[in-house]
Amino acid sequence: MTKKDRAKKVIEILENKFGSPECALNYTTPFELLVAVILSAQCTDIRVNIVTEKMFKIVNTPLGFSEMPIEEIENLIRSTGFFRNKAKNIKLCSRQILENHNGLVPSEMEELIKLGGVGRKTANVVRGEIWKLASGITVDTHVKRLSNLIGLVKETDVLKIEKELMKIIPKKYWIEFSHLLILQGRDKCIARRPKCLECEIKEYCKHGEKK
């Protein structure tokens, strides 16, 4: 079975299971989503949603964050981990959006990745969720792990994984593919305690094939 055929089968099975999945982060504006994705680094979506539910009632605009003392931002996001670096990036990102983009989150990949704290992963999430634009595939820890287990890639570098997946996954599935693997990673393919026997895609997985 080719990698493309394997990917097609996995997508078909997971689509039947999850339907049309959406981003798990809560937001009401593109900027709120951008901040939430920055906070999600090394943190669960559940924790981020708890933090942003309170924080966005206090501050939720580039102007608001740019004017807020960084110590206050740190206190609001402390529980997400790496809060000093995240606070610095949120403040820098806010200022850049105000100064270079009239206060609006840019939709272009090239402009997004120039913002503080924004790499390809964050840019892919924002572009896909807000504008349904796909110039790449979001590779988080779940996508990285499952793509290797399924045998689509043999890489550890996220940029190399993304490039390989873009050759295998039809572009129309680039946004959805990440959502599907993330959901399966949380539900069955849990890193420390995988439920291999119950996994719907076990026949396409290196671990499942051994069971």
Protein backbone atom coordinates (compact mmCIF):
# COMPACT_ATOMS: atom_id res chain seq x y z
CA MET A 1 0.00 0.00 0.00
CA THR A 2 1.37 3.40 -0.94
CA LYS A 3 1.61 6.22 1.57
CA LYS A 4 -1.10 8.11 -0.30
CA ASP A 5 -3.44 5.10 -0.15
CA ARG A 6 -2.68 4.63 3.54
CA ALA A 7 -3.38 8.30 4.24
CA LYS A 8 -6.63 8.11 2.28
CA LYS A 9 -7.84 5.15 4.35
CA VAL A 10 -6.92 6.83 7.62
CA ILE A 11 -8.70 10.04 6.64
CA GLU A 12 -11.80 8.10 5.58
CA ILE A 13 -11.97 6.16 8.87
CA LEU A 14 -11.40 9.23 11.04
CA GLU A 15 -13.88 11.32 9.07
CA ASN A 16 -16.52 8.69 9.73
CA LYS A 17 -15.60 8.80 13.41
CA PHE A 18 -15.23 12.54 14.02
CA GLY A 19 -17.22 14.14 11.20
CA SER A 20 -15.96 17.64 10.37
CA PRO A 21 -13.75 18.57 13.34
CA GLU A 22 -13.05 22.15 14.37
CA CYS A 23 -10.41 23.89 16.45
CA ALA A 24 -10.74 23.10 20.16
CA LEU A 25 -9.63 26.57 21.25
CA ASN A 26 -12.35 29.08 22.14
CA TYR A 27 -12.26 32.50 20.49
CA THR A 28 -14.48 35.19 18.97
CA THR A 29 -11.98 37.13 16.84
CA PRO A 30 -8.91 36.27 14.75
CA PHE A 31 -6.72 38.03 17.30
CA GLU A 32 -8.17 36.02 20.18
CA LEU A 33 -7.40 32.82 18.27
CA LEU A 34 -3.85 33.99 17.59
CA VAL A 35 -3.27 34.65 21.29
CA ALA A 36 -4.85 31.32 22.25
CA VAL A 37 -2.60 29.40 19.85
CA ILE A 38 0.48 31.17 21.22
CA LEU A 39 -0.60 30.13 24.71
CA SER A 40 -1.21 26.53 23.60
CA ALA A 41 2.50 25.79 23.17
CA GLN A 42 3.39 23.07 25.72
CA CYS A 43 -0.08 23.46 27.22
CA THR A 44 -3.42 21.70 26.83
CA ASP A 45 -6.29 23.33 24.97
CA ILE A 46 -8.48 22.81 28.04
CA ARG A 47 -6.11 24.86 30.20
CA VAL A 48 -5.82 27.56 27.53
CA ASN A 49 -9.61 27.85 27.32
CA ILE A 50 -9.83 28.23 31.10
CA VAL A 51 -7.23 31.01 31.02
CA THR A 52 -8.63 32.87 28.01
CA GLU A 53 -12.21 32.74 29.27
CA LYS A 54 -11.17 34.99 32.13
CA MET A 55 -8.45 36.95 30.34
CA PHE A 56 -10.45 37.96 27.26
CA LYS A 57 -13.02 39.62 29.54
CA ILE A 58 -10.20 41.86 30.76
CA VAL A 59 -8.15 42.34 27.59
CA ASN A 60 -8.63 40.91 24.10
CA THR A 61 -7.27 43.42 21.56
CA PRO A 62 -3.81 44.31 20.25
CA LEU A 63 -4.16 47.79 21.77
CA GLY A 64 -5.16 46.37 25.13
CA PHE A 65 -2.22 43.96 25.32
CA SER A 66 0.27 46.53 24.00
CA GLU A 67 -0.69 48.97 26.77
CA MET A 68 -0.88 46.39 29.57
CA PRO A 69 2.22 46.01 31.77
CA ILE A 70 3.95 42.76 30.92
CA GLU A 71 3.77 41.68 34.58
CA GLU A 72 -0.04 41.78 34.38
CA ILE A 73 -0.03 39.68 31.21
CA GLU A 74 2.27 37.18 32.94
CA ASN A 75 -0.09 36.89 35.89
CA LEU A 76 -3.07 36.28 33.60
CA ILE A 77 -1.35 33.47 31.67
CA ARG A 78 0.91 32.02 34.38
CA SER A 79 -0.82 28.62 34.50
CA THR A 80 -0.17 27.94 30.79
CA GLY A 81 3.56 27.49 31.44
CA PHE A 82 6.50 29.38 29.93
CA PHE A 83 4.44 32.45 30.81
CA ARG A 84 7.26 35.00 30.67
CA ASN A 85 8.21 34.15 27.11
CA LYS A 86 4.57 33.90 26.04
CA ALA A 87 3.76 37.27 27.63
CA LYS A 88 6.72 38.87 25.83
CA ASN A 89 5.57 37.40 22.50
CA ILE A 90 1.94 38.44 22.98
CA LYS A 91 2.97 42.00 23.77
CA LEU A 92 5.40 42.16 20.83
CA CYS A 93 2.89 40.55 18.49
CA SER A 94 0.22 43.05 19.55
CA ARG A 95 2.51 46.00 18.90
CA GLN A 96 3.51 44.65 15.49
CA ILE A 97 -0.13 44.16 14.48
CA LEU A 98 -0.92 47.74 15.51
CA GLU A 99 2.12 49.26 13.81
CA ASN A 100 2.25 47.17 10.63
CA HIS A 101 -1.28 45.89 10.02
CA ASN A 102 -3.68 48.58 11.24
CA GLY A 103 -4.64 46.46 14.23
CA LEU A 104 -5.80 43.48 12.15
CA VAL A 105 -4.32 40.00 12.06
CA PRO A 106 -2.77 39.49 8.61
CA SER A 107 -3.92 36.51 6.56
CA GLU A 108 -0.69 36.02 4.59
CA MET A 109 1.67 33.31 5.81
CA GLU A 110 4.71 35.52 5.15
CA GLU A 111 3.33 38.29 7.34
CA LEU A 112 2.06 36.04 10.12
CA ILE A 113 5.39 34.34 10.71
CA LYS A 114 7.04 37.75 11.17
CA LEU A 115 4.95 38.31 14.31
CA GLY A 116 6.35 37.63 17.76
CA GLY A 117 5.72 34.07 18.89
CA VAL A 118 4.25 32.99 15.54
CA GLY A 119 5.81 30.11 13.62
CA ARG A 120 4.42 27.99 10.80
CA LYS A 121 2.35 25.87 13.17
CA THR A 122 0.56 28.87 14.67
CA ALA A 123 0.17 30.53 11.27
CA ASN A 124 -1.29 27.35 9.75
CA VAL A 125 -3.84 27.07 12.57
CA VAL A 126 -4.96 30.70 12.28
CA ARG A 127 -5.10 30.74 8.48
CA GLY A 128 -6.97 27.45 8.31
CA GLU A 129 -9.45 28.21 11.08
CA ILE A 130 -10.22 31.85 10.22
CA TRP A 131 -9.88 32.03 6.44
CA LYS A 132 -9.88 28.33 5.43
CA LEU A 133 -6.54 28.95 3.75
CA ALA A 134 -3.99 26.16 3.58
CA SER A 135 -0.39 26.73 2.59
CA GLY A 136 0.82 23.91 4.78
CA ILE A 137 -0.18 21.34 7.40
CA THR A 138 -0.21 22.05 11.13
CA VAL A 139 2.23 19.68 12.83
CA ASP A 140 1.78 19.49 16.59
CA THR A 141 2.93 16.70 18.90
CA HIS A 142 -0.03 14.47 17.98
CA VAL A 143 0.41 14.93 14.23
CA LYS A 144 4.15 14.35 14.57
CA ARG A 145 3.68 11.13 16.54
CA LEU A 146 0.79 9.64 14.58
CA SER A 147 2.27 10.46 11.17
CA ASN A 148 5.32 8.44 12.12
CA LEU A 149 3.29 5.58 13.62
CA ILE A 150 1.06 5.38 10.56
CA GLY A 151 4.17 5.19 8.42
CA LEU A 152 3.58 8.37 6.43
CA VAL A 153 6.90 9.86 7.54
CA LYS A 154 10.11 8.85 9.27
CA GLU A 155 11.09 12.23 10.64
CA THR A 156 11.35 14.07 13.94
CA ASP A 157 11.80 17.60 12.57
CA VAL A 158 8.39 19.27 12.26
CA LEU A 159 9.27 21.23 9.11
CA LYS A 160 10.46 18.07 7.35
CA ILE A 161 7.29 16.27 8.50
CA GLU A 162 5.14 19.05 7.13
CA LYS A 163 6.89 18.99 3.75
CA GLU A 164 6.55 15.19 3.51
CA LEU A 165 2.87 15.26 4.48
CA MET A 166 2.16 17.96 1.89
CA LYS A 167 3.37 15.53 -0.78
CA ILE A 168 1.10 12.75 0.50
CA ILE A 169 -2.09 14.46 1.72
CA PRO A 170 -4.37 16.03 -0.94
CA LYS A 171 -4.49 19.81 -0.40
CA LYS A 172 -8.24 19.76 0.24
CA TYR A 173 -7.51 17.77 3.42
CA TRP A 174 -4.56 19.82 4.72
CA ILE A 175 -6.62 21.64 7.37
CA GLU A 176 -8.82 18.70 8.32
CA PHE A 177 -5.99 16.17 8.47
CA SER A 178 -4.35 17.83 11.47
CA HIS A 179 -7.67 18.05 13.34
CA LEU A 180 -8.35 14.36 12.74
CA LEU A 181 -4.95 13.18 13.99
CA ILE A 182 -5.10 15.48 17.01
CA LEU A 183 -8.50 14.11 18.00
CA GLN A 184 -7.37 10.51 17.50
CA GLY A 185 -4.23 11.23 19.51
CA ARG A 186 -6.33 12.46 22.41
CA ASP A 187 -8.92 9.69 22.18
CA LYS A 188 -7.03 6.48 21.39
CA CYS A 189 -3.39 7.06 20.49
CA ILE A 190 -2.44 8.56 23.84
CA ALA A 191 1.34 8.81 24.10
CA ARG A 192 1.79 7.19 27.51
CA ARG A 193 -1.14 4.79 27.45
CA PRO A 194 -2.27 4.06 23.89
CA LYS A 195 -5.50 2.10 23.47
CA CYS A 196 -4.18 0.11 20.53
CA LEU A 197 -6.73 -2.70 20.65
CA GLU A 198 -9.59 -0.18 20.49
CA CYS A 199 -7.99 2.06 17.86
CA GLU A 200 -9.96 2.40 14.64
CA ILE A 201 -6.80 2.81 12.53
CA LYS A 202 -4.68 0.13 14.22
CA GLU A 203 -4.25 -1.86 11.00
CA TYR A 204 -2.45 1.13 9.48
CA CYS A 205 -0.25 1.75 12.53
CA LYS A 206 3.13 0.20 13.35
CA HIS A 207 2.04 -0.42 16.95
CA GLY A 208 -1.36 -1.80 15.99
CA GLU A 209 0.12 -4.19 13.44
CA LYS A 210 2.07 -5.88 16.25
CA LYS A 211 -0.99 -6.54 18.39
